[in-house]
Amino acid sequence: MNISVFGKYAGNDTIVHGGGSGSVHPSWVSMPIVAIAEKYLGISSDFDGKRDVRKCNKGFCVSFSKTFNQAYAETSEVAIVFAATEAEEGADRSTLALDPEIDALID
C-alpha cells in the first residue's frame, strides 16, 4: 500500500495548542508523519518533518511532503492532508478560511 502525507502540520510544524490562557507547552510531541511511518514501516528515523521523503518497507510505502508533490500523489493509494490554522484568544478571525498555502494544498 502506498500512503502519501501532505502538509506542514504533519511534520515539524505540528500545532498542539493555541495562544492565550489555554496555551500549553507539552514536554514531548510526536509528529503525525513519524507516528504513521512507525506504524506502517516500523521505522521513523528518516522522517524529520522538514524535507520530502519516500520510504518503503514490509509492503508499505510512506511519502511525506510539506507541499504538494505530484509524483507522490500519482503513486498513492491513500492521501492524507494535514490542514490547520493558527488562532489565539483575544484576536477574532476575519474568516473561517484556512491559511492560503493550506487551501492551495487541498485544491
N, C-alpha and C. Protein backbone atom coordinates (compact mmCIF):
# COMPACT_ATOMS: atom_id res chain seq x y z
N MET A 1 0.85 -1.18 0.00
CA MET A 1 0.00 0.00 0.00
C MET A 1 0.89 1.23 0.00
N ASN A 2 0.53 2.21 -0.79
CA ASN A 2 1.24 3.49 -0.86
C ASN A 2 0.42 4.58 -0.18
N ILE A 3 1.02 5.22 0.81
CA ILE A 3 0.38 6.28 1.58
C ILE A 3 1.19 7.56 1.41
N SER A 4 0.55 8.64 1.02
CA SER A 4 1.22 9.93 0.94
C SER A 4 0.62 10.87 1.96
N VAL A 5 1.49 11.59 2.65
CA VAL A 5 1.08 12.53 3.68
C VAL A 5 1.55 13.91 3.25
N PHE A 6 0.63 14.84 3.17
CA PHE A 6 0.95 16.19 2.71
C PHE A 6 0.61 17.22 3.79
N GLY A 7 1.40 18.28 3.85
CA GLY A 7 1.10 19.40 4.74
C GLY A 7 2.11 19.58 5.85
N LYS A 8 2.48 20.83 6.07
CA LYS A 8 3.49 21.13 7.08
C LYS A 8 3.06 20.74 8.49
N TYR A 9 1.75 20.66 8.73
CA TYR A 9 1.28 20.34 10.07
C TYR A 9 1.43 18.85 10.40
N ALA A 10 1.78 18.04 9.43
CA ALA A 10 2.09 16.63 9.69
C ALA A 10 3.55 16.46 10.08
N GLY A 11 4.33 17.50 9.85
CA GLY A 11 5.76 17.44 10.13
C GLY A 11 6.15 18.24 11.35
N ASN A 12 7.25 18.96 11.22
CA ASN A 12 7.78 19.66 12.39
C ASN A 12 7.04 20.95 12.72
N ASP A 13 5.96 21.26 12.00
CA ASP A 13 5.13 22.43 12.31
C ASP A 13 3.80 22.02 12.96
N THR A 14 3.76 20.85 13.55
CA THR A 14 2.55 20.35 14.19
C THR A 14 2.04 21.35 15.23
N ILE A 15 0.74 21.66 15.16
CA ILE A 15 0.12 22.57 16.13
C ILE A 15 -0.45 21.73 17.27
N VAL A 16 -0.06 22.05 18.47
CA VAL A 16 -0.56 21.30 19.64
C VAL A 16 -1.34 22.19 20.60
N HIS A 17 -1.36 23.50 20.34
CA HIS A 17 -2.09 24.40 21.23
C HIS A 17 -2.30 25.73 20.53
N GLY A 18 -3.21 26.52 21.08
CA GLY A 18 -3.42 27.88 20.60
C GLY A 18 -2.75 28.86 21.54
N GLY A 19 -3.00 30.12 21.31
CA GLY A 19 -2.41 31.13 22.19
C GLY A 19 -3.40 31.57 23.25
N GLY A 20 -2.94 32.32 24.19
CA GLY A 20 -3.81 32.84 25.24
C GLY A 20 -3.75 32.00 26.49
N SER A 21 -4.78 32.11 27.32
CA SER A 21 -4.77 31.44 28.61
C SER A 21 -4.84 29.92 28.50
N GLY A 22 -5.30 29.41 27.37
CA GLY A 22 -5.37 27.96 27.17
C GLY A 22 -4.09 27.37 26.61
N SER A 23 -3.08 28.19 26.45
CA SER A 23 -1.83 27.74 25.86
C SER A 23 -1.10 26.76 26.79
N VAL A 24 -0.61 25.70 26.19
CA VAL A 24 0.19 24.71 26.92
C VAL A 24 1.46 24.43 26.14
N HIS A 25 2.46 23.99 26.83
CA HIS A 25 3.72 23.63 26.18
C HIS A 25 4.08 22.21 26.59
N PRO A 26 3.65 21.23 25.79
CA PRO A 26 3.90 19.84 26.16
C PRO A 26 5.40 19.53 26.18
N SER A 27 5.77 18.58 27.00
CA SER A 27 7.19 18.21 27.11
C SER A 27 7.63 17.38 25.91
N TRP A 28 6.69 16.77 25.21
CA TRP A 28 7.04 15.94 24.06
C TRP A 28 5.87 15.91 23.09
N VAL A 29 6.16 16.01 21.80
CA VAL A 29 5.13 15.96 20.76
C VAL A 29 5.59 14.99 19.69
N SER A 30 4.73 14.08 19.31
CA SER A 30 5.02 13.15 18.22
C SER A 30 4.47 13.75 16.94
N MET A 31 5.33 13.94 15.95
CA MET A 31 4.86 14.43 14.66
C MET A 31 3.98 13.36 14.02
N PRO A 32 2.85 13.73 13.41
CA PRO A 32 2.00 12.74 12.76
C PRO A 32 2.74 11.87 11.74
N ILE A 33 3.63 12.46 10.95
CA ILE A 33 4.34 11.65 9.95
C ILE A 33 5.22 10.61 10.61
N VAL A 34 5.79 10.93 11.74
CA VAL A 34 6.62 9.95 12.47
C VAL A 34 5.76 8.80 12.96
N ALA A 35 4.59 9.10 13.52
CA ALA A 35 3.69 8.06 14.00
C ALA A 35 3.22 7.17 12.85
N ILE A 36 2.91 7.76 11.71
CA ILE A 36 2.47 6.98 10.54
C ILE A 36 3.60 6.09 10.04
N ALA A 37 4.81 6.63 9.95
CA ALA A 37 5.96 5.84 9.49
C ALA A 37 6.25 4.69 10.45
N GLU A 38 6.18 4.95 11.75
CA GLU A 38 6.41 3.88 12.72
C GLU A 38 5.36 2.78 12.60
N LYS A 39 4.11 3.17 12.41
CA LYS A 39 3.01 2.21 12.32
C LYS A 39 3.14 1.33 11.08
N TYR A 40 3.37 1.93 9.92
CA TYR A 40 3.34 1.18 8.68
C TYR A 40 4.70 0.67 8.20
N LEU A 41 5.78 1.32 8.57
CA LEU A 41 7.10 0.91 8.11
C LEU A 41 7.95 0.28 9.21
N GLY A 42 7.60 0.57 10.45
CA GLY A 42 8.42 0.10 11.55
C GLY A 42 9.67 0.95 11.75
N ILE A 43 9.78 2.03 10.99
CA ILE A 43 10.92 2.95 11.11
C ILE A 43 10.40 4.38 11.05
N SER A 44 11.15 5.29 11.62
CA SER A 44 10.74 6.70 11.53
C SER A 44 11.93 7.63 11.45
N SER A 45 13.13 7.13 11.60
CA SER A 45 14.31 7.99 11.69
C SER A 45 14.56 8.83 10.45
N ASP A 46 14.06 8.40 9.30
CA ASP A 46 14.25 9.17 8.07
C ASP A 46 13.25 10.30 7.91
N PHE A 47 12.24 10.34 8.74
CA PHE A 47 11.18 11.33 8.64
C PHE A 47 11.40 12.43 9.69
N ASP A 48 12.04 13.51 9.26
CA ASP A 48 12.32 14.61 10.19
C ASP A 48 11.29 15.73 10.11
N GLY A 49 10.34 15.62 9.17
CA GLY A 49 9.29 16.63 9.04
C GLY A 49 9.73 17.90 8.35
N LYS A 50 10.96 17.91 7.81
CA LYS A 50 11.49 19.11 7.18
C LYS A 50 11.67 18.97 5.68
N ARG A 51 11.79 17.74 5.19
CA ARG A 51 12.08 17.54 3.77
C ARG A 51 11.22 16.42 3.21
N ASP A 52 11.09 16.41 1.88
CA ASP A 52 10.34 15.35 1.22
C ASP A 52 11.07 14.02 1.40
N VAL A 53 10.32 12.99 1.76
CA VAL A 53 10.88 11.66 1.98
C VAL A 53 9.90 10.61 1.47
N ARG A 54 10.44 9.56 0.88
CA ARG A 54 9.64 8.39 0.49
C ARG A 54 10.43 7.15 0.88
N LYS A 55 9.83 6.31 1.70
CA LYS A 55 10.48 5.08 2.15
C LYS A 55 9.49 3.91 2.05
N CYS A 56 10.04 2.73 1.78
CA CYS A 56 9.22 1.53 1.67
C CYS A 56 9.78 0.43 2.56
N ASN A 57 8.88 -0.36 3.15
CA ASN A 57 9.27 -1.48 4.00
C ASN A 57 8.03 -2.32 4.26
N LYS A 58 8.19 -3.62 4.33
CA LYS A 58 7.10 -4.53 4.70
C LYS A 58 5.87 -4.38 3.80
N GLY A 59 6.05 -4.09 2.52
CA GLY A 59 4.93 -3.96 1.60
C GLY A 59 4.20 -2.63 1.65
N PHE A 60 4.71 -1.70 2.44
CA PHE A 60 4.12 -0.36 2.55
C PHE A 60 5.12 0.67 2.07
N CYS A 61 4.62 1.72 1.46
CA CYS A 61 5.43 2.89 1.12
C CYS A 61 4.76 4.10 1.76
N VAL A 62 5.55 4.92 2.41
CA VAL A 62 5.05 6.15 3.03
C VAL A 62 5.85 7.31 2.47
N SER A 63 5.14 8.33 1.99
CA SER A 63 5.75 9.54 1.45
C SER A 63 5.30 10.74 2.27
N PHE A 64 6.19 11.71 2.42
CA PHE A 64 5.85 12.94 3.13
C PHE A 64 6.34 14.14 2.34
N SER A 65 5.49 15.15 2.23
CA SER A 65 5.87 16.42 1.61
C SER A 65 5.11 17.54 2.31
N LYS A 66 5.83 18.61 2.66
CA LYS A 66 5.15 19.76 3.28
C LYS A 66 4.22 20.46 2.29
N THR A 67 4.55 20.38 1.02
CA THR A 67 3.72 20.95 -0.04
C THR A 67 3.28 19.83 -0.97
N PHE A 68 2.54 20.15 -2.01
CA PHE A 68 2.07 19.12 -2.93
C PHE A 68 3.23 18.55 -3.73
N ASN A 69 3.27 17.25 -3.88
CA ASN A 69 4.29 16.56 -4.66
C ASN A 69 3.56 15.66 -5.65
N GLN A 70 3.59 16.02 -6.93
CA GLN A 70 2.85 15.31 -7.96
C GLN A 70 3.24 13.84 -8.04
N ALA A 71 4.52 13.56 -7.97
CA ALA A 71 4.98 12.17 -8.08
C ALA A 71 4.43 11.32 -6.93
N TYR A 72 4.43 11.86 -5.73
CA TYR A 72 3.88 11.12 -4.59
C TYR A 72 2.38 10.89 -4.77
N ALA A 73 1.68 11.93 -5.20
CA ALA A 73 0.23 11.84 -5.37
C ALA A 73 -0.15 10.79 -6.42
N GLU A 74 0.59 10.74 -7.51
CA GLU A 74 0.25 9.81 -8.59
C GLU A 74 0.45 8.35 -8.21
N THR A 75 1.32 8.07 -7.26
CA THR A 75 1.59 6.68 -6.88
C THR A 75 0.88 6.26 -5.60
N SER A 76 0.07 7.14 -5.04
CA SER A 76 -0.58 6.85 -3.77
C SER A 76 -1.92 6.16 -3.93
N GLU A 77 -2.17 5.25 -3.01
CA GLU A 77 -3.50 4.67 -2.89
C GLU A 77 -4.29 5.42 -1.83
N VAL A 78 -3.57 6.02 -0.90
CA VAL A 78 -4.18 6.81 0.17
C VAL A 78 -3.41 8.13 0.29
N ALA A 79 -4.14 9.23 0.34
CA ALA A 79 -3.52 10.54 0.56
C ALA A 79 -4.13 11.15 1.82
N ILE A 80 -3.27 11.63 2.69
CA ILE A 80 -3.71 12.28 3.92
C ILE A 80 -3.18 13.70 3.91
N VAL A 81 -4.07 14.67 4.04
CA VAL A 81 -3.68 16.07 4.06
C VAL A 81 -3.91 16.61 5.47
N PHE A 82 -2.85 17.14 6.07
CA PHE A 82 -2.96 17.75 7.40
C PHE A 82 -3.13 19.25 7.20
N ALA A 83 -4.27 19.76 7.65
CA ALA A 83 -4.57 21.18 7.50
C ALA A 83 -4.93 21.77 8.85
N ALA A 84 -4.54 23.01 9.04
CA ALA A 84 -4.85 23.71 10.29
C ALA A 84 -4.69 25.20 10.05
N THR A 85 -5.03 25.95 11.04
CA THR A 85 -4.76 27.38 11.02
C THR A 85 -4.47 27.79 12.45
N GLU A 86 -3.71 28.81 12.59
CA GLU A 86 -3.34 29.26 13.93
C GLU A 86 -4.28 30.38 14.38
N ALA A 87 -4.68 30.31 15.63
CA ALA A 87 -5.56 31.32 16.22
C ALA A 87 -5.23 31.43 17.69
N GLU A 88 -5.66 32.52 18.27
CA GLU A 88 -5.42 32.67 19.70
C GLU A 88 -6.51 33.51 20.33
N GLU A 89 -6.60 33.38 21.62
CA GLU A 89 -7.57 34.12 22.42
C GLU A 89 -7.32 35.62 22.28
N GLY A 90 -8.40 36.40 22.20
CA GLY A 90 -8.29 37.85 22.16
C GLY A 90 -8.10 38.43 20.77
N ALA A 91 -8.10 37.58 19.75
CA ALA A 91 -7.95 38.05 18.38
C ALA A 91 -8.96 37.32 17.51
N ASP A 92 -10.03 38.01 17.13
CA ASP A 92 -11.04 37.40 16.29
C ASP A 92 -10.50 37.19 14.88
N ARG A 93 -10.89 36.09 14.31
CA ARG A 93 -10.51 35.81 12.92
C ARG A 93 -11.53 36.47 12.01
N SER A 94 -11.08 37.02 10.93
CA SER A 94 -11.99 37.70 10.00
C SER A 94 -12.73 36.71 9.10
N THR A 95 -12.25 35.47 9.03
CA THR A 95 -12.86 34.46 8.17
C THR A 95 -12.55 33.07 8.75
N LEU A 96 -13.30 32.09 8.31
CA LEU A 96 -13.04 30.72 8.73
C LEU A 96 -12.11 29.98 7.75
N ALA A 97 -11.64 30.71 6.75
CA ALA A 97 -10.76 30.10 5.76
C ALA A 97 -9.44 29.66 6.39
N LEU A 98 -8.86 28.64 5.82
CA LEU A 98 -7.54 28.20 6.24
C LEU A 98 -6.48 29.14 5.67
N ASP A 99 -5.25 28.97 6.10
CA ASP A 99 -4.17 29.77 5.55
C ASP A 99 -4.06 29.51 4.04
N PRO A 100 -3.68 30.53 3.24
CA PRO A 100 -3.66 30.38 1.78
C PRO A 100 -2.87 29.17 1.27
N GLU A 101 -1.70 28.88 1.86
CA GLU A 101 -0.92 27.76 1.37
C GLU A 101 -1.60 26.42 1.66
N ILE A 102 -2.40 26.36 2.72
CA ILE A 102 -3.14 25.13 3.04
C ILE A 102 -4.31 24.97 2.09
N ASP A 103 -5.04 26.04 1.81
CA ASP A 103 -6.12 25.97 0.82
C ASP A 103 -5.59 25.50 -0.53
N ALA A 104 -4.44 26.01 -0.93
CA ALA A 104 -3.84 25.61 -2.21
C ALA A 104 -3.46 24.13 -2.20
N LEU A 105 -2.98 23.63 -1.10
CA LEU A 105 -2.61 22.23 -0.97
C LEU A 105 -3.84 21.34 -1.12
N ILE A 106 -4.95 21.74 -0.52
CA ILE A 106 -6.17 20.95 -0.59
C ILE A 106 -6.77 20.99 -2.00
N ASP A 107 -6.71 22.15 -2.64
CA ASP A 107 -7.25 22.27 -4.00
C ASP A 107 -6.47 21.40 -4.94
